[in-house]
ModelCIF file with pLDDT and N, C-alpha, C, O atoms, coordinates in Angstrom:
data_MODEL
#
_entry.id   MODEL 
#
_entity.id                         1 
_entity.type                       polymer 
_entity.pdbx_number_of_molecules   1 
#
_entity_poly.entity_id                      1 
_entity_poly.type                           'polypeptide(L)' 
_entity_poly.nstd_linkage                   no 
_entity_poly.nstd_monomer                   no 
_entity_poly.pdbx_seq_one_letter_code       LNEKIKILSFQSAEERLMFYLSQRNGEIRFKSLS 
_entity_poly.pdbx_seq_one_letter_code_can   LNEKIKILSFQSAEERLMFYLSQRNGEIRFKSLS 
_entity_poly.pdbx_strand_id                 A 
#
loop_
_entity_poly_seq.entity_id 
_entity_poly_seq.num 
_entity_poly_seq.mon_id 
_entity_poly_seq.hetero 
1 1  LEU n 
1 2  ASN n 
1 3  GLU n 
1 4  LYS n 
1 5  ILE n 
1 6  LYS n 
1 7  ILE n 
1 8  LEU n 
1 9  SER n 
1 10 PHE n 
1 11 GLN n 
1 12 SER n 
1 13 ALA n 
1 14 GLU n 
1 15 GLU n 
1 16 ARG n 
1 17 LEU n 
1 18 MET n 
1 19 PHE n 
1 20 TYR n 
1 21 LEU n 
1 22 SER n 
1 23 GLN n 
1 24 ARG n 
1 25 ASN n 
1 26 GLY n 
1 27 GLU n 
1 28 ILE n 
1 29 ARG n 
1 30 PHE n 
1 31 LYS n 
1 32 SER n 
1 33 LEU n 
1 34 SER n 
#
_struct_asym.id          A 
_struct_asym.entity_id   1 
#
loop_
_ma_qa_metric.id 
_ma_qa_metric.mode 
_ma_qa_metric.name 
_ma_qa_metric.software_group_id 
_ma_qa_metric.type 
1 global pLDDT . pLDDT 
2 local  pLDDT . pLDDT 
#
_ma_qa_metric_global.metric_id      1 
_ma_qa_metric_global.metric_value   92.24 
_ma_qa_metric_global.model_id       1 
_ma_qa_metric_global.ordinal_id     1 
#
loop_
_ma_qa_metric_local.label_asym_id 
_ma_qa_metric_local.label_comp_id 
_ma_qa_metric_local.label_seq_id 
_ma_qa_metric_local.metric_id 
_ma_qa_metric_local.metric_value 
_ma_qa_metric_local.model_id 
_ma_qa_metric_local.ordinal_id 
A LEU 1  2 85.00 1 1  
A ASN 2  2 89.00 1 2  
A GLU 3  2 90.00 1 3  
A LYS 4  2 88.00 1 4  
A ILE 5  2 90.00 1 5  
A LYS 6  2 92.00 1 6  
A ILE 7  2 92.00 1 7  
A LEU 8  2 90.00 1 8  
A SER 9  2 93.00 1 9  
A PHE 10 2 93.00 1 10 
A GLN 11 2 90.00 1 11 
A SER 12 2 94.00 1 12 
A ALA 13 2 95.00 1 13 
A GLU 14 2 95.00 1 14 
A GLU 15 2 95.00 1 15 
A ARG 16 2 95.00 1 16 
A LEU 17 2 96.00 1 17 
A MET 18 2 94.00 1 18 
A PHE 19 2 94.00 1 19 
A TYR 20 2 94.00 1 20 
A LEU 21 2 94.00 1 21 
A SER 22 2 92.00 1 22 
A GLN 23 2 92.00 1 23 
A ARG 24 2 93.00 1 24 
A ASN 25 2 92.00 1 25 
A GLY 26 2 93.00 1 26 
A GLU 27 2 94.00 1 27 
A ILE 28 2 95.00 1 28 
A ARG 29 2 93.00 1 29 
A PHE 30 2 93.00 1 30 
A LYS 31 2 90.00 1 31 
A SER 32 2 90.00 1 32 
A LEU 33 2 91.00 1 33 
A SER 34 2 90.00 1 34 
#
loop_
_atom_site.group_PDB 
_atom_site.id 
_atom_site.type_symbol 
_atom_site.label_atom_id 
_atom_site.label_alt_id 
_atom_site.label_comp_id 
_atom_site.label_asym_id 
_atom_site.label_entity_id 
_atom_site.label_seq_id 
_atom_site.pdbx_PDB_ins_code 
_atom_site.Cartn_x 
_atom_site.Cartn_y 
_atom_site.Cartn_z 
_atom_site.occupancy 
_atom_site.B_iso_or_equiv 
_atom_site.pdbx_formal_charge 
_atom_site.auth_seq_id 
_atom_site.auth_comp_id 
_atom_site.auth_asym_id 
_atom_site.auth_atom_id 
_atom_site.pdbx_PDB_model_num 
ATOM 1   N N  . LEU A 1 1  ? 11.080 -5.094 -1.747  1.00 85.00 ? 1  LEU A N  1 
ATOM 2   C CA . LEU A 1 1  ? 10.955 -6.842 -1.226  1.00 85.00 ? 1  LEU A CA 1 
ATOM 3   C C  . LEU A 1 1  ? 10.409 -6.464 0.405   1.00 85.00 ? 1  LEU A C  1 
ATOM 4   O O  . LEU A 1 1  ? 9.528  -7.114 0.967   1.00 85.00 ? 1  LEU A O  1 
ATOM 5   N N  . ASN A 1 2  ? 11.172 -5.203 1.065   1.00 89.00 ? 2  ASN A N  1 
ATOM 6   C CA . ASN A 1 2  ? 10.909 -5.170 2.529   1.00 89.00 ? 2  ASN A CA 1 
ATOM 7   C C  . ASN A 1 2  ? 9.435  -4.382 2.443   1.00 89.00 ? 2  ASN A C  1 
ATOM 8   O O  . ASN A 1 2  ? 8.656  -4.556 3.380   1.00 89.00 ? 2  ASN A O  1 
ATOM 9   N N  . GLU A 1 3  ? 9.050  -3.534 1.351   1.00 90.00 ? 3  GLU A N  1 
ATOM 10  C CA . GLU A 1 3  ? 7.618  -2.852 1.579   1.00 90.00 ? 3  GLU A CA 1 
ATOM 11  C C  . GLU A 1 3  ? 6.444  -3.835 1.191   1.00 90.00 ? 3  GLU A C  1 
ATOM 12  O O  . GLU A 1 3  ? 5.258  -3.579 1.404   1.00 90.00 ? 3  GLU A O  1 
ATOM 13  N N  . LYS A 1 4  ? 6.944  -5.070 0.557   1.00 88.00 ? 4  LYS A N  1 
ATOM 14  C CA . LYS A 1 4  ? 5.971  -6.079 -0.056  1.00 88.00 ? 4  LYS A CA 1 
ATOM 15  C C  . LYS A 1 4  ? 5.859  -6.657 1.294   1.00 88.00 ? 4  LYS A C  1 
ATOM 16  O O  . LYS A 1 4  ? 4.726  -6.398 1.700   1.00 88.00 ? 4  LYS A O  1 
ATOM 17  N N  . ILE A 1 5  ? 6.456  -7.255 2.084   1.00 90.00 ? 5  ILE A N  1 
ATOM 18  C CA . ILE A 1 5  ? 6.643  -7.893 3.184   1.00 90.00 ? 5  ILE A CA 1 
ATOM 19  C C  . ILE A 1 5  ? 5.903  -7.008 4.239   1.00 90.00 ? 5  ILE A C  1 
ATOM 20  O O  . ILE A 1 5  ? 5.370  -7.614 5.169   1.00 90.00 ? 5  ILE A O  1 
ATOM 21  N N  . LYS A 1 6  ? 5.832  -5.998 4.214   1.00 92.00 ? 6  LYS A N  1 
ATOM 22  C CA . LYS A 1 6  ? 5.264  -4.950 5.263   1.00 92.00 ? 6  LYS A CA 1 
ATOM 23  C C  . LYS A 1 6  ? 3.597  -4.805 4.697   1.00 92.00 ? 6  LYS A C  1 
ATOM 24  O O  . LYS A 1 6  ? 2.589  -4.771 5.403   1.00 92.00 ? 6  LYS A O  1 
ATOM 25  N N  . ILE A 1 7  ? 3.668  -4.747 3.458   1.00 92.00 ? 7  ILE A N  1 
ATOM 26  C CA . ILE A 1 7  ? 2.030  -4.826 3.424   1.00 92.00 ? 7  ILE A CA 1 
ATOM 27  C C  . ILE A 1 7  ? 1.486  -6.084 3.421   1.00 92.00 ? 7  ILE A C  1 
ATOM 28  O O  . ILE A 1 7  ? 0.271  -6.205 3.268   1.00 92.00 ? 7  ILE A O  1 
ATOM 29  N N  . LEU A 1 8  ? 2.230  -7.088 3.573   1.00 90.00 ? 8  LEU A N  1 
ATOM 30  C CA . LEU A 1 8  ? 1.406  -8.537 3.396   1.00 90.00 ? 8  LEU A CA 1 
ATOM 31  C C  . LEU A 1 8  ? 1.359  -8.695 5.045   1.00 90.00 ? 8  LEU A C  1 
ATOM 32  O O  . LEU A 1 8  ? 0.839  -9.719 5.491   1.00 90.00 ? 8  LEU A O  1 
ATOM 33  N N  . SER A 1 9  ? 1.707  -8.049 5.645   1.00 93.00 ? 9  SER A N  1 
ATOM 34  C CA . SER A 1 9  ? 1.914  -8.074 7.430   1.00 93.00 ? 9  SER A CA 1 
ATOM 35  C C  . SER A 1 9  ? 0.237  -7.345 7.797   1.00 93.00 ? 9  SER A C  1 
ATOM 36  O O  . SER A 1 9  ? -0.383 -7.634 8.821   1.00 93.00 ? 9  SER A O  1 
ATOM 37  N N  . PHE A 1 10 ? -0.202 -6.526 6.894   1.00 93.00 ? 10 PHE A N  1 
ATOM 38  C CA . PHE A 1 10 ? -1.299 -6.274 7.214   1.00 93.00 ? 10 PHE A CA 1 
ATOM 39  C C  . PHE A 1 10 ? -2.568 -6.986 7.269   1.00 93.00 ? 10 PHE A C  1 
ATOM 40  O O  . PHE A 1 10 ? -2.344 -7.958 6.548   1.00 93.00 ? 10 PHE A O  1 
ATOM 41  N N  . GLN A 1 11 ? -3.626 -7.078 7.640   1.00 90.00 ? 11 GLN A N  1 
ATOM 42  C CA . GLN A 1 11 ? -4.763 -7.793 7.858   1.00 90.00 ? 11 GLN A CA 1 
ATOM 43  C C  . GLN A 1 11 ? -5.797 -7.800 6.839   1.00 90.00 ? 11 GLN A C  1 
ATOM 44  O O  . GLN A 1 11 ? -6.286 -8.698 6.154   1.00 90.00 ? 11 GLN A O  1 
ATOM 45  N N  . SER A 1 12 ? -6.013 -6.431 6.939   1.00 94.00 ? 12 SER A N  1 
ATOM 46  C CA . SER A 1 12 ? -7.022 -5.796 6.595   1.00 94.00 ? 12 SER A CA 1 
ATOM 47  C C  . SER A 1 12 ? -6.869 -5.075 4.980   1.00 94.00 ? 12 SER A C  1 
ATOM 48  O O  . SER A 1 12 ? -5.747 -4.569 4.961   1.00 94.00 ? 12 SER A O  1 
ATOM 49  N N  . ALA A 1 13 ? -7.453 -4.877 3.849   1.00 95.00 ? 13 ALA A N  1 
ATOM 50  C CA . ALA A 1 13 ? -7.231 -4.164 2.975   1.00 95.00 ? 13 ALA A CA 1 
ATOM 51  C C  . ALA A 1 13 ? -7.079 -2.646 3.153   1.00 95.00 ? 13 ALA A C  1 
ATOM 52  O O  . ALA A 1 13 ? -6.106 -2.075 2.660   1.00 95.00 ? 13 ALA A O  1 
ATOM 53  N N  . GLU A 1 14 ? -7.810 -2.127 3.692   1.00 95.00 ? 14 GLU A N  1 
ATOM 54  C CA . GLU A 1 14 ? -7.675 -0.821 3.979   1.00 95.00 ? 14 GLU A CA 1 
ATOM 55  C C  . GLU A 1 14 ? -6.164 -0.470 4.741   1.00 95.00 ? 14 GLU A C  1 
ATOM 56  O O  . GLU A 1 14 ? -5.481 0.531  4.529   1.00 95.00 ? 14 GLU A O  1 
ATOM 57  N N  . GLU A 1 15 ? -5.933 -1.308 5.449   1.00 95.00 ? 15 GLU A N  1 
ATOM 58  C CA . GLU A 1 15 ? -4.702 -0.957 6.242   1.00 95.00 ? 15 GLU A CA 1 
ATOM 59  C C  . GLU A 1 15 ? -3.498 -1.188 5.256   1.00 95.00 ? 15 GLU A C  1 
ATOM 60  O O  . GLU A 1 15 ? -2.431 -0.631 5.512   1.00 95.00 ? 15 GLU A O  1 
ATOM 61  N N  . ARG A 1 16 ? -3.600 -1.864 4.308   1.00 95.00 ? 16 ARG A N  1 
ATOM 62  C CA . ARG A 1 16 ? -2.536 -2.158 3.238   1.00 95.00 ? 16 ARG A CA 1 
ATOM 63  C C  . ARG A 1 16 ? -2.697 -0.887 2.778   1.00 95.00 ? 16 ARG A C  1 
ATOM 64  O O  . ARG A 1 16 ? -1.738 -0.121 2.873   1.00 95.00 ? 16 ARG A O  1 
ATOM 65  N N  . LEU A 1 17 ? -3.952 -0.425 2.187   1.00 96.00 ? 17 LEU A N  1 
ATOM 66  C CA . LEU A 1 17 ? -3.781 0.870  1.378   1.00 96.00 ? 17 LEU A CA 1 
ATOM 67  C C  . LEU A 1 17 ? -3.441 2.225  1.909   1.00 96.00 ? 17 LEU A C  1 
ATOM 68  O O  . LEU A 1 17 ? -2.877 3.081  1.228   1.00 96.00 ? 17 LEU A O  1 
ATOM 69  N N  . MET A 1 18 ? -3.898 2.426  3.460   1.00 94.00 ? 18 MET A N  1 
ATOM 70  C CA . MET A 1 18 ? -3.372 3.257  3.794   1.00 94.00 ? 18 MET A CA 1 
ATOM 71  C C  . MET A 1 18 ? -2.138 3.890  4.097   1.00 94.00 ? 18 MET A C  1 
ATOM 72  O O  . MET A 1 18 ? -1.740 5.041  4.276   1.00 94.00 ? 18 MET A O  1 
ATOM 73  N N  . PHE A 1 19 ? -1.425 2.140  4.090   1.00 94.00 ? 19 PHE A N  1 
ATOM 74  C CA . PHE A 1 19 ? 0.229  2.291  4.540   1.00 94.00 ? 19 PHE A CA 1 
ATOM 75  C C  . PHE A 1 19 ? 0.691  2.475  3.110   1.00 94.00 ? 19 PHE A C  1 
ATOM 76  O O  . PHE A 1 19 ? 1.769  3.070  3.096   1.00 94.00 ? 19 PHE A O  1 
ATOM 77  N N  . TYR A 1 20 ? 0.318  2.218  2.095   1.00 94.00 ? 20 TYR A N  1 
ATOM 78  C CA . TYR A 1 20 ? 0.895  2.431  0.684   1.00 94.00 ? 20 TYR A CA 1 
ATOM 79  C C  . TYR A 1 20 ? 0.454  3.937  0.161   1.00 94.00 ? 20 TYR A C  1 
ATOM 80  O O  . TYR A 1 20 ? 1.113  4.539  -0.687  1.00 94.00 ? 20 TYR A O  1 
ATOM 81  N N  . LEU A 1 21 ? -0.307 4.276  0.550   1.00 94.00 ? 21 LEU A N  1 
ATOM 82  C CA . LEU A 1 21 ? -0.714 5.749  0.771   1.00 94.00 ? 21 LEU A CA 1 
ATOM 83  C C  . LEU A 1 21 ? 0.619  6.520  1.235   1.00 94.00 ? 21 LEU A C  1 
ATOM 84  O O  . LEU A 1 21 ? 1.384  7.237  0.590   1.00 94.00 ? 21 LEU A O  1 
ATOM 85  N N  . SER A 1 22 ? 0.626  6.059  2.779   1.00 92.00 ? 22 SER A N  1 
ATOM 86  C CA . SER A 1 22 ? 1.566  6.812  3.592   1.00 92.00 ? 22 SER A CA 1 
ATOM 87  C C  . SER A 1 22 ? 2.982  6.990  3.288   1.00 92.00 ? 22 SER A C  1 
ATOM 88  O O  . SER A 1 22 ? 3.740  7.896  3.633   1.00 92.00 ? 22 SER A O  1 
ATOM 89  N N  . GLN A 1 23 ? 3.247  5.695  2.399   1.00 92.00 ? 23 GLN A N  1 
ATOM 90  C CA . GLN A 1 23 ? 4.750  5.439  1.811   1.00 92.00 ? 23 GLN A CA 1 
ATOM 91  C C  . GLN A 1 23 ? 4.862  6.536  0.847   1.00 92.00 ? 23 GLN A C  1 
ATOM 92  O O  . GLN A 1 23 ? 5.980  7.047  0.783   1.00 92.00 ? 23 GLN A O  1 
ATOM 93  N N  . ARG A 1 24 ? 3.849  7.066  -0.002  1.00 93.00 ? 24 ARG A N  1 
ATOM 94  C CA . ARG A 1 24 ? 3.835  7.815  -1.259  1.00 93.00 ? 24 ARG A CA 1 
ATOM 95  C C  . ARG A 1 24 ? 3.287  9.223  -0.933  1.00 93.00 ? 24 ARG A C  1 
ATOM 96  O O  . ARG A 1 24 ? 2.671  9.817  -1.818  1.00 93.00 ? 24 ARG A O  1 
ATOM 97  N N  . ASN A 1 25 ? 3.412  9.622  -0.092  1.00 92.00 ? 25 ASN A N  1 
ATOM 98  C CA . ASN A 1 25 ? 2.978  10.929 0.657   1.00 92.00 ? 25 ASN A CA 1 
ATOM 99  C C  . ASN A 1 25 ? 1.899  11.415 0.103   1.00 92.00 ? 25 ASN A C  1 
ATOM 100 O O  . ASN A 1 25 ? 1.702  12.485 -0.473  1.00 92.00 ? 25 ASN A O  1 
ATOM 101 N N  . GLY A 1 26 ? 0.883  10.085 0.447   1.00 93.00 ? 26 GLY A N  1 
ATOM 102 C CA . GLY A 1 26 ? -0.680 10.675 0.468   1.00 93.00 ? 26 GLY A CA 1 
ATOM 103 C C  . GLY A 1 26 ? -1.113 10.539 -0.735  1.00 93.00 ? 26 GLY A C  1 
ATOM 104 O O  . GLY A 1 26 ? -2.290 10.818 -0.959  1.00 93.00 ? 26 GLY A O  1 
ATOM 105 N N  . GLU A 1 27 ? -0.205 10.047 -1.860  1.00 94.00 ? 27 GLU A N  1 
ATOM 106 C CA . GLU A 1 27 ? -0.940 10.111 -3.359  1.00 94.00 ? 27 GLU A CA 1 
ATOM 107 C C  . GLU A 1 27 ? -0.045 8.590  -4.109  1.00 94.00 ? 27 GLU A C  1 
ATOM 108 O O  . GLU A 1 27 ? 1.024  8.033  -3.862  1.00 94.00 ? 27 GLU A O  1 
ATOM 109 N N  . ILE A 1 28 ? -1.197 8.354  -5.133  1.00 95.00 ? 28 ILE A N  1 
ATOM 110 C CA . ILE A 1 28 ? -0.713 7.023  -5.618  1.00 95.00 ? 28 ILE A CA 1 
ATOM 111 C C  . ILE A 1 28 ? -1.110 7.376  -6.871  1.00 95.00 ? 28 ILE A C  1 
ATOM 112 O O  . ILE A 1 28 ? -2.275 7.717  -7.077  1.00 95.00 ? 28 ILE A O  1 
ATOM 113 N N  . ARG A 1 29 ? -0.151 7.332  -7.884  1.00 93.00 ? 29 ARG A N  1 
ATOM 114 C CA . ARG A 1 29 ? -0.915 7.461  -9.598  1.00 93.00 ? 29 ARG A CA 1 
ATOM 115 C C  . ARG A 1 29 ? -0.320 5.818  -9.865  1.00 93.00 ? 29 ARG A C  1 
ATOM 116 O O  . ARG A 1 29 ? 0.761  5.324  -9.544  1.00 93.00 ? 29 ARG A O  1 
ATOM 117 N N  . PHE A 1 30 ? -1.317 5.311  -10.472 1.00 93.00 ? 30 PHE A N  1 
ATOM 118 C CA . PHE A 1 30 ? -1.398 3.858  -11.264 1.00 93.00 ? 30 PHE A CA 1 
ATOM 119 C C  . PHE A 1 30 ? -1.873 3.652  -12.822 1.00 93.00 ? 30 PHE A C  1 
ATOM 120 O O  . PHE A 1 30 ? -2.766 4.266  -13.407 1.00 93.00 ? 30 PHE A O  1 
ATOM 121 N N  . LYS A 1 31 ? -1.146 2.762  -13.254 1.00 90.00 ? 31 LYS A N  1 
ATOM 122 C CA . LYS A 1 31 ? -1.740 2.228  -14.641 1.00 90.00 ? 31 LYS A CA 1 
ATOM 123 C C  . LYS A 1 31 ? -3.195 1.606  -14.937 1.00 90.00 ? 31 LYS A C  1 
ATOM 124 O O  . LYS A 1 31 ? -3.912 1.705  -15.932 1.00 90.00 ? 31 LYS A O  1 
ATOM 125 N N  . SER A 1 32 ? -3.384 0.881  -13.628 1.00 90.00 ? 32 SER A N  1 
ATOM 126 C CA . SER A 1 32 ? -4.759 0.547  -13.568 1.00 90.00 ? 32 SER A CA 1 
ATOM 127 C C  . SER A 1 32 ? -5.135 0.121  -12.203 1.00 90.00 ? 32 SER A C  1 
ATOM 128 O O  . SER A 1 32 ? -4.145 0.013  -11.480 1.00 90.00 ? 32 SER A O  1 
ATOM 129 N N  . LEU A 1 33 ? -6.387 -0.187 -11.560 1.00 91.00 ? 33 LEU A N  1 
ATOM 130 C CA . LEU A 1 33 ? -7.007 -0.321 -10.532 1.00 91.00 ? 33 LEU A CA 1 
ATOM 131 C C  . LEU A 1 33 ? -6.266 -1.976 -10.258 1.00 91.00 ? 33 LEU A C  1 
ATOM 132 O O  . LEU A 1 33 ? -5.907 -2.407 -9.163  1.00 91.00 ? 33 LEU A O  1 
ATOM 133 N N  . SER A 1 34 ? -6.176 -2.709 -11.607 1.00 90.00 ? 34 SER A N  1 
ATOM 134 C CA . SER A 1 34 ? -5.714 -3.989 -11.479 1.00 90.00 ? 34 SER A CA 1 
ATOM 135 C C  . SER A 1 34 ? -4.289 -4.166 -11.057 1.00 90.00 ? 34 SER A C  1 
ATOM 136 O O  . SER A 1 34 ? -3.820 -5.297 -10.926 1.00 90.00 ? 34 SER A O  1 
#
């Protein structure tokens, strides 16, 4: 929940993606882009 709140605090899509990457040691594995 704290991570979701932090993601929502970023204004731009790029900031959100970069934060998400930083929290996962620079690598994201996902089921789908959606």
